[in-house]
C-alpha atoms as a PDB file:
ATOM      1  CA  UNK A   1       0.000   0.000   0.000  1.00  0.00           C
ATOM      2  CA  UNK A   2       1.472   3.349  -1.032  1.00  0.00           C
ATOM      3  CA  UNK A   3       1.234   6.424   1.110  1.00  0.00           C
ATOM      4  CA  UNK A   4       0.312   9.583  -0.737  1.00  0.00           C
ATOM      5  CA  UNK A   5       1.333  12.622   1.246  1.00  0.00           C
ATOM      6  CA  UNK A   6      -1.638  14.971   1.184  1.00  0.00           C
ATOM      7  CA  UNK A   7       0.061  17.669  -0.820  1.00  0.00           C
ATOM      8  CA  UNK A   8      -0.555  19.614  -3.984  1.00  0.00           C
ATOM      9  CA  UNK A   9       1.650  18.748  -6.945  1.00  0.00           C
ATOM     10  CA  UNK A  10       2.611  20.886  -9.879  1.00  0.00           C
ATOM     11  CA  UNK A  11       3.597  18.191 -12.386  1.00  0.00           C
ATOM     12  CA  UNK A  12       3.394  19.143 -16.033  1.00  0.00           C
ATOM     13  CA  UNK A  13      -0.138  20.481 -16.149  1.00  0.00           C
ATOM     14  CA  UNK A  14       0.477  24.196 -15.595  1.00  0.00           C
ATOM     15  CA  UNK A  15      -1.865  26.009 -17.905  1.00  0.00           C
ATOM     16  CA  UNK A  16       0.439  28.797 -19.076  1.00  0.00           C
ATOM     17  CA  UNK A  17      -1.563  31.642 -20.541  1.00  0.00           C
ATOM     18  CA  UNK A  18      -4.773  29.638 -20.821  1.00  0.00           C
ATOM     19  CA  UNK A  19      -7.421  30.988 -18.400  1.00  0.00           C
ATOM     20  CA  UNK A  20      -8.176  28.682 -15.488  1.00  0.00           C
ATOM     21  CA  UNK A  21     -11.497  26.829 -15.776  1.00  0.00           C
ATOM     22  CA  UNK A  22     -14.310  27.865 -13.475  1.00  0.00           C
ATOM     23  CA  UNK A  23     -16.407  25.678 -11.209  1.00  0.00           C
ATOM     24  CA  UNK A  24     -20.141  26.035 -10.656  1.00  0.00           C
ATOM     25  CA  UNK A  25     -21.660  26.844  -7.283  1.00  0.00           C
ATOM     26  CA  UNK A  26     -25.338  27.258  -8.115  1.00  0.00           C
ATOM     27  CA  UNK A  27     -27.722  25.783 -10.669  1.00  0.00           C
ATOM     28  CA  UNK A  28     -27.837  29.023 -12.630  1.00  0.00           C
ATOM     29  CA  UNK A  29     -24.086  28.920 -13.255  1.00  0.00           C
ATOM     30  CA  UNK A  30     -24.460  26.195 -15.895  1.00  0.00           C
ATOM     31  CA  UNK A  31     -27.148  27.465 -18.242  1.00  0.00           C
ATOM     32  CA  UNK A  32     -30.533  25.937 -19.137  1.00  0.00           C
ATOM     33  CA  UNK A  33     -29.162  22.722 -20.673  1.00  0.00           C
ATOM     34  CA  UNK A  34     -26.893  21.713 -17.789  1.00  0.00           C
ATOM     35  CA  UNK A  35     -26.984  21.086 -14.055  1.00  0.00           C
ATOM     36  CA  UNK A  36     -24.431  21.823 -11.343  1.00  0.00           C
ATOM     37  CA  UNK A  37     -23.386  18.462  -9.861  1.00  0.00           C
ATOM     38  CA  UNK A  38     -20.525  18.377  -7.329  1.00  0.00           C
ATOM     39  CA  UNK A  39     -19.349  21.770  -8.608  1.00  0.00           C
ATOM     40  CA  UNK A  40     -19.224  20.655 -12.252  1.00  0.00           C
ATOM     41  CA  UNK A  41     -21.670  21.496 -15.040  1.00  0.00           C
ATOM     42  CA  UNK A  42     -23.168  18.346 -16.561  1.00  0.00           C
ATOM     43  CA  UNK A  43     -25.607  18.032 -19.427  1.00  0.00           C
ATOM     44  CA  UNK A  44     -29.162  17.143 -18.487  1.00  0.00           C
ATOM     45  CA  UNK A  45     -29.491  13.376 -18.133  1.00  0.00           C
ATOM     46  CA  UNK A  46     -25.738  12.822 -17.799  1.00  0.00           C
ATOM     47  CA  UNK A  47     -24.708  10.518 -14.964  1.00  0.00           C
ATOM     48  CA  UNK A  48     -21.977  12.039 -12.789  1.00  0.00           C
ATOM     49  CA  UNK A  49     -18.770  10.033 -12.438  1.00  0.00           C
ATOM     50  CA  UNK A  50     -19.101  10.217  -8.655  1.00  0.00           C
ATOM     51  CA  UNK A  51     -22.399   8.313  -8.756  1.00  0.00           C
ATOM     52  CA  UNK A  52     -20.575   4.964  -8.756  1.00  0.00           C
ATOM     53  CA  UNK A  53     -17.510   6.060  -6.764  1.00  0.00           C
ATOM     54  CA  UNK A  54     -16.682   5.729  -3.068  1.00  0.00           C
ATOM     55  CA  UNK A  55     -16.474   8.964  -1.069  1.00  0.00           C
ATOM     56  CA  UNK A  56     -13.608   9.543   1.384  1.00  0.00           C
ATOM     57  CA  UNK A  57     -13.061  12.520   3.711  1.00  0.00           C
ATOM     58  CA  UNK A  58      -9.792  13.626   5.314  1.00  0.00           C
ATOM     59  CA  UNK A  59      -9.067  16.343   7.852  1.00  0.00           C
ATOM     60  CA  UNK A  60      -5.832  18.356   7.632  1.00  0.00           C
ATOM     61  CA  UNK A  61      -2.675  17.051   9.280  1.00  0.00           C
ATOM     62  CA  UNK A  62      -1.595  20.681   9.665  1.00  0.00           C
ATOM     63  CA  UNK A  63      -3.120  24.067   8.913  1.00  0.00           C
ATOM     64  CA  UNK A  64      -2.153  27.723   9.136  1.00  0.00           C
ATOM     65  CA  UNK A  65      -3.601  31.165   8.459  1.00  0.00           C
ATOM     66  CA  UNK A  66      -1.168  33.926   7.551  1.00  0.00           C
ATOM     67  CA  UNK A  67      -1.686  37.598   6.769  1.00  0.00           C
ATOM     68  CA  UNK A  68       0.058  40.908   7.276  1.00  0.00           C
ATOM     69  CA  UNK A  69       0.476  41.757  10.958  1.00  0.00           C
ATOM     70  CA  UNK A  70      -0.466  38.319  12.243  1.00  0.00           C
ATOM     71  CA  UNK A  71       2.002  36.609  14.575  1.00  0.00           C
ATOM     72  CA  UNK A  72       3.203  33.045  14.058  1.00  0.00           C
ATOM     73  CA  UNK A  73       1.721  30.199  16.076  1.00  0.00           C
ATOM     74  CA  UNK A  74      -1.832  31.552  16.250  1.00  0.00           C
ATOM     75  CA  UNK A  75      -4.500  29.110  15.066  1.00  0.00           C
ATOM     76  CA  UNK A  76      -7.820  30.931  14.859  1.00  0.00           C
ATOM     77  CA  UNK A  77     -11.178  29.243  14.544  1.00  0.00           C
ATOM     78  CA  UNK A  78     -11.971  31.393  11.502  1.00  0.00           C
ATOM     79  CA  UNK A  79      -9.887  32.534   8.532  1.00  0.00           C
ATOM     80  CA  UNK A  80     -10.822  35.467   6.265  1.00  0.00           C
ATOM     81  CA  UNK A  81      -9.567  35.709   2.683  1.00  0.00           C
ATOM     82  CA  UNK A  82      -9.914  38.456   0.075  1.00  0.00           C
ATOM     83  CA  UNK A  83      -9.775  41.412   2.454  1.00  0.00           C
ATOM     84  CA  UNK A  84      -6.900  43.462   0.962  1.00  0.00           C
ATOM     85  CA  UNK A  85      -4.317  41.960   3.329  1.00  0.00           C
ATOM     86  CA  UNK A  86      -2.955  39.130   1.178  1.00  0.00           C
ATOM     87  CA  UNK A  87      -4.179  36.455   3.598  1.00  0.00           C
ATOM     88  CA  UNK A  88      -3.549  32.782   2.784  1.00  0.00           C
ATOM     89  CA  UNK A  89      -4.778  29.477   4.156  1.00  0.00           C
ATOM     90  CA  UNK A  90      -2.177  26.683   4.199  1.00  0.00           C
ATOM     91  CA  UNK A  91      -3.230  23.037   4.483  1.00  0.00           C
ATOM     92  CA  UNK A  92      -1.464  19.692   4.468  1.00  0.00           C
ATOM     93  CA  UNK A  93      -3.180  16.296   4.323  1.00  0.00           C
ATOM     94  CA  UNK A  94      -1.945  12.748   4.850  1.00  0.00           C
ATOM     95  CA  UNK A  95      -3.758  10.293   2.583  1.00  0.00           C
ATOM     96  CA  UNK A  96      -3.130   6.552   2.558  1.00  0.00           C
ATOM     97  CA  UNK A  97      -4.524   4.831  -0.548  1.00  0.00           C
ATOM     98  CA  UNK A  98      -3.638   1.632  -2.393  1.00  0.00           C
ATOM     99  CA  UNK A  99      -1.621   2.236  -5.549  1.00  0.00           C
ATOM    100  CA  UNK A 100      -4.349   0.683  -7.698  1.00  0.00           C
ATOM    101  CA  UNK A 101      -7.016   3.150  -6.547  1.00  0.00           C
ATOM    102  CA  UNK A 102      -8.249   5.604  -9.181  1.00  0.00           C
ATOM    103  CA  UNK A 103      -9.217   9.098  -8.031  1.00  0.00           C
ATOM    104  CA  UNK A 104     -12.306  10.144  -9.988  1.00  0.00           C
ATOM    105  CA  UNK A 105     -12.823  13.531  -8.338  1.00  0.00           C
ATOM    106  CA  UNK A 106     -11.059  15.453  -5.571  1.00  0.00           C
ATOM    107  CA  UNK A 107     -12.198  18.605  -3.811  1.00  0.00           C
ATOM    108  CA  UNK A 108     -11.162  20.803  -0.943  1.00  0.00           C
ATOM    109  CA  UNK A 109     -14.266  21.569   1.123  1.00  0.00           C
ATOM    110  CA  UNK A 110     -14.462  24.895   2.942  1.00  0.00           C
ATOM    111  CA  UNK A 111     -17.373  25.951   5.133  1.00  0.00           C
ATOM    112  CA  UNK A 112     -18.532  29.456   5.949  1.00  0.00           C
ATOM    113  CA  UNK A 113     -19.890  30.145   9.444  1.00  0.00           C
ATOM    114  CA  UNK A 114     -23.511  31.233   9.684  1.00  0.00           C
ATOM    115  CA  UNK A 115     -24.709  34.703  10.704  1.00  0.00           C
ATOM    116  CA  UNK A 116     -21.745  36.762   9.499  1.00  0.00           C
ATOM    117  CA  UNK A 117     -21.983  40.065   7.637  1.00  0.00           C
ATOM    118  CA  UNK A 118     -20.567  39.577   4.164  1.00  0.00           C
ATOM    119  CA  UNK A 119     -20.053  42.052   1.342  1.00  0.00           C
ATOM    120  CA  UNK A 120     -22.146  40.939  -1.679  1.00  0.00           C
ATOM    121  CA  UNK A 121     -19.098  41.272  -3.959  1.00  0.00           C
ATOM    122  CA  UNK A 122     -18.165  37.677  -4.920  1.00  0.00           C
ATOM    123  CA  UNK A 123     -14.672  36.418  -4.125  1.00  0.00           C
ATOM    124  CA  UNK A 124     -12.958  33.948  -6.454  1.00  0.00           C
ATOM    125  CA  UNK A 125     -10.763  31.266  -4.882  1.00  0.00           C
ATOM    126  CA  UNK A 126      -8.254  28.749  -6.204  1.00  0.00           C
ATOM    127  CA  UNK A 127      -5.529  26.510  -4.823  1.00  0.00           C
ATOM    128  CA  UNK A 128      -1.790  26.811  -5.371  1.00  0.00           C
ATOM    129  CA  UNK A 129       1.074  24.423  -4.721  1.00  0.00           C
ATOM    130  CA  UNK A 130       3.228  24.992  -1.630  1.00  0.00           C
ATOM    131  CA  UNK A 131       6.801  24.505  -2.803  1.00  0.00           C
ATOM    132  CA  UNK A 132       8.733  24.890   0.473  1.00  0.00           C
ATOM    133  CA  UNK A 133       8.509  23.323   3.958  1.00  0.00           C
ATOM    134  CA  UNK A 134       6.313  24.999   6.564  1.00  0.00           C
ATOM    135  CA  UNK A 135       4.927  24.306  10.004  1.00  0.00           C
ATOM    136  CA  UNK A 136       1.674  25.626  11.420  1.00  0.00           C
ATOM    137  CA  UNK A 137       3.338  26.728  14.644  1.00  0.00           C
ATOM    138  CA  UNK A 138       6.062  28.836  13.052  1.00  0.00           C
ATOM    139  CA  UNK A 139       4.903  30.009   9.612  1.00  0.00           C
ATOM    140  CA  UNK A 140       4.142  33.738   9.370  1.00  0.00           C
ATOM    141  CA  UNK A 141       3.692  36.533   6.839  1.00  0.00           C
ATOM    142  CA  UNK A 142       7.378  37.392   7.078  1.00  0.00           C
ATOM    143  CA  UNK A 143       8.451  33.750   6.814  1.00  0.00           C
ATOM    144  CA  UNK A 144       6.013  32.092   4.428  1.00  0.00           C
ATOM    145  CA  UNK A 145       6.740  29.333   1.899  1.00  0.00           C
ATOM    146  CA  UNK A 146       6.983  29.899  -1.827  1.00  0.00           C
ATOM    147  CA  UNK A 147       3.828  29.120  -3.825  1.00  0.00           C
ATOM    148  CA  UNK A 148       3.419  27.944  -7.421  1.00  0.00           C
ATOM    149  CA  UNK A 149       0.291  28.791  -9.397  1.00  0.00           C
ATOM    150  CA  UNK A 150      -0.660  25.545 -11.152  1.00  0.00           C
ATOM    151  CA  UNK A 151      -3.628  26.902 -13.062  1.00  0.00           C
ATOM    152  CA  UNK A 152      -6.192  25.188 -10.815  1.00  0.00           C
ATOM    153  CA  UNK A 153      -9.897  25.798 -11.524  1.00  0.00           C
ATOM    154  CA  UNK A 154     -11.413  28.917  -9.992  1.00  0.00           C
ATOM    155  CA  UNK A 155     -14.457  28.789  -7.713  1.00  0.00           C
ATOM    156  CA  UNK A 156     -16.598  31.839  -6.998  1.00  0.00           C
ATOM    157  CA  UNK A 157     -17.970  31.999  -3.463  1.00  0.00           C
ATOM    158  CA  UNK A 158     -21.753  32.499  -3.631  1.00  0.00           C
ATOM    159  CA  UNK A 159     -23.536  35.466  -2.072  1.00  0.00           C
ATOM    160  CA  UNK A 160     -24.366  35.348   1.660  1.00  0.00           C
ATOM    161  CA  UNK A 161     -27.780  33.888   0.846  1.00  0.00           C
ATOM    162  CA  UNK A 162     -26.229  31.016  -1.103  1.00  0.00           C
ATOM    163  CA  UNK A 163     -24.637  27.770   0.050  1.00  0.00           C
ATOM    164  CA  UNK A 164     -22.350  27.818   3.091  1.00  0.00           C
ATOM    165  CA  UNK A 165     -19.953  25.249   1.662  1.00  0.00           C
ATOM    166  CA  UNK A 166     -17.450  25.897  -1.125  1.00  0.00           C
ATOM    167  CA  UNK A 167     -15.666  23.265  -3.207  1.00  0.00           C
ATOM    168  CA  UNK A 168     -12.251  23.857  -4.750  1.00  0.00           C
ATOM    169  CA  UNK A 169     -11.141  21.429  -7.441  1.00  0.00           C
ATOM    170  CA  UNK A 170      -7.862  19.673  -6.543  1.00  0.00           C
ATOM    171  CA  UNK A 171      -8.288  16.615  -8.773  1.00  0.00           C
ATOM    172  CA  UNK A 172      -5.230  17.207 -10.942  1.00  0.00           C
ATOM    173  CA  UNK A 173      -3.155  17.795  -7.835  1.00  0.00           C
ATOM    174  CA  UNK A 174      -4.276  14.610  -6.119  1.00  0.00           C
ATOM    175  CA  UNK A 175      -3.793  12.497  -9.229  1.00  0.00           C
ATOM    176  CA  UNK A 176      -0.109  13.450  -9.194  1.00  0.00           C
ATOM    177  CA  UNK A 177       0.527  12.670  -5.531  1.00  0.00           C
ATOM    178  CA  UNK A 178       1.617   9.116  -6.353  1.00  0.00           C
ATOM    179  CA  UNK A 179       4.805  10.507  -7.886  1.00  0.00           C
ATOM    180  CA  UNK A 180       5.971  11.221  -4.309  1.00  0.00           C
ATOM    181  CA  UNK A 181       8.100  14.197  -5.201  1.00  0.00           C
ATOM    182  CA  UNK A 182      10.191  15.559  -2.371  1.00  0.00           C
ATOM    183  CA  UNK A 183       9.458  19.211  -3.072  1.00  0.00           C
ATOM    184  CA  UNK A 184       5.701  19.147  -2.364  1.00  0.00           C
ATOM    185  CA  UNK A 185       4.591  20.649   0.926  1.00  0.00           C
ATOM    186  CA  UNK A 186       0.878  21.362   0.851  1.00  0.00           C
ATOM    187  CA  UNK A 187      -2.019  23.316  -0.553  1.00  0.00           C
ATOM    188  CA  UNK A 188      -2.535  27.076  -0.314  1.00  0.00           C
ATOM    189  CA  UNK A 189      -5.985  28.636  -0.691  1.00  0.00           C
ATOM    190  CA  UNK A 190      -5.656  31.984  -2.474  1.00  0.00           C
ATOM    191  CA  UNK A 191      -8.285  34.668  -3.088  1.00  0.00           C
ATOM    192  CA  UNK A 192      -8.626  36.512  -6.368  1.00  0.00           C
ATOM    193  CA  UNK A 193     -10.427  39.798  -5.915  1.00  0.00           C
ATOM    194  CA  UNK A 194     -11.134  41.832  -2.805  1.00  0.00           C
ATOM    195  CA  UNK A 195     -14.053  43.226  -0.840  1.00  0.00           C
ATOM    196  CA  UNK A 196     -14.604  45.168   2.371  1.00  0.00           C
ATOM    197  CA  UNK A 197     -15.350  42.020   4.382  1.00  0.00           C
ATOM    198  CA  UNK A 198     -13.708  39.304   2.296  1.00  0.00           C
ATOM    199  CA  UNK A 199     -15.027  35.797   2.824  1.00  0.00           C
ATOM    200  CA  UNK A 200     -14.611  33.885   6.079  1.00  0.00           C
ATOM    201  CA  UNK A 201     -14.217  30.133   6.459  1.00  0.00           C
ATOM    202  CA  UNK A 202     -13.926  27.793   9.414  1.00  0.00           C
ATOM    203  CA  UNK A 203     -10.270  26.822   9.851  1.00  0.00           C
ATOM    204  CA  UNK A 204      -9.751  25.082  13.188  1.00  0.00           C
ATOM    205  CA  UNK A 205     -12.955  24.541  15.173  1.00  0.00           C
ATOM    206  CA  UNK A 206     -12.171  23.912  18.825  1.00  0.00           C
ATOM    207  CA  UNK A 207     -13.652  21.261  21.135  1.00  0.00           C
ATOM    208  CA  UNK A 208     -17.400  21.599  21.447  1.00  0.00           C
ATOM    209  CA  UNK A 209     -17.827  23.445  18.141  1.00  0.00           C
ATOM    210  CA  UNK A 210     -20.252  20.821  16.878  1.00  0.00           C
ATOM    211  CA  UNK A 211     -21.856  23.035  14.238  1.00  0.00           C
ATOM    212  CA  UNK A 212     -18.555  24.057  12.641  1.00  0.00           C
ATOM    213  CA  UNK A 213     -16.573  21.948  10.186  1.00  0.00           C
ATOM    214  CA  UNK A 214     -13.027  22.858   9.206  1.00  0.00           C
ATOM    215  CA  UNK A 215     -11.388  22.208   5.827  1.00  0.00           C
ATOM    216  CA  UNK A 216     -11.709  18.662   4.498  1.00  0.00           C
ATOM    217  CA  UNK A 217     -10.318  16.825   1.530  1.00  0.00           C
ATOM    218  CA  UNK A 218     -13.115  15.033  -0.333  1.00  0.00           C
ATOM    219  CA  UNK A 219     -12.086  12.181  -2.620  1.00  0.00           C
ATOM    220  CA  UNK A 220     -14.226  10.050  -4.918  1.00  0.00           C
ATOM    221  CA  UNK A 221     -12.363   6.864  -5.750  1.00  0.00           C
ATOM    222  CA  UNK A 222     -12.840   3.584  -7.577  1.00  0.00           C
END
């Protein structure tokens, strides 16, 4: 059984100048002839690949939230992105899968807390590859790892009245984990665009926070 470190991988799929694909969040994102299924637009009557796949969930092995002026070692319950301060969310997962397993879909799940004032301006998110070692206790704005933009699909966070959960596509990253490169150190969640409030997600819910779910890696495998 091979161990796939839960890390984002660049590989050879960087998109260059080609715009990153976008994911759907609501039914209206796909047009009249398609439906939004697991954040992908599918033609009416099409059976999603995940329908016959097994779903697996993983919590982070380490996480961090860095922004200007924030000291190292602080692990807040909530993390706000897209608020003109360059904030980043860093995540690392440890995934143990047999070598023969095929990953059909892979998503990073982020959940917004309820009852928070949010600017209606949508914030676009994507993941980037962490290319240097980091530790949640010591990483900071002044000492943050280098990131590589791998051209991952972009997801637009719905308005406050929309869904509380957001999916970011990490399928291409996960499919390359089996190469076990030594220069892969995690996933960074990056915001494109800014607003007065940004968008806030649950990062590290403490004991007793039963209604809050932190980041999770969602795999559909066969």
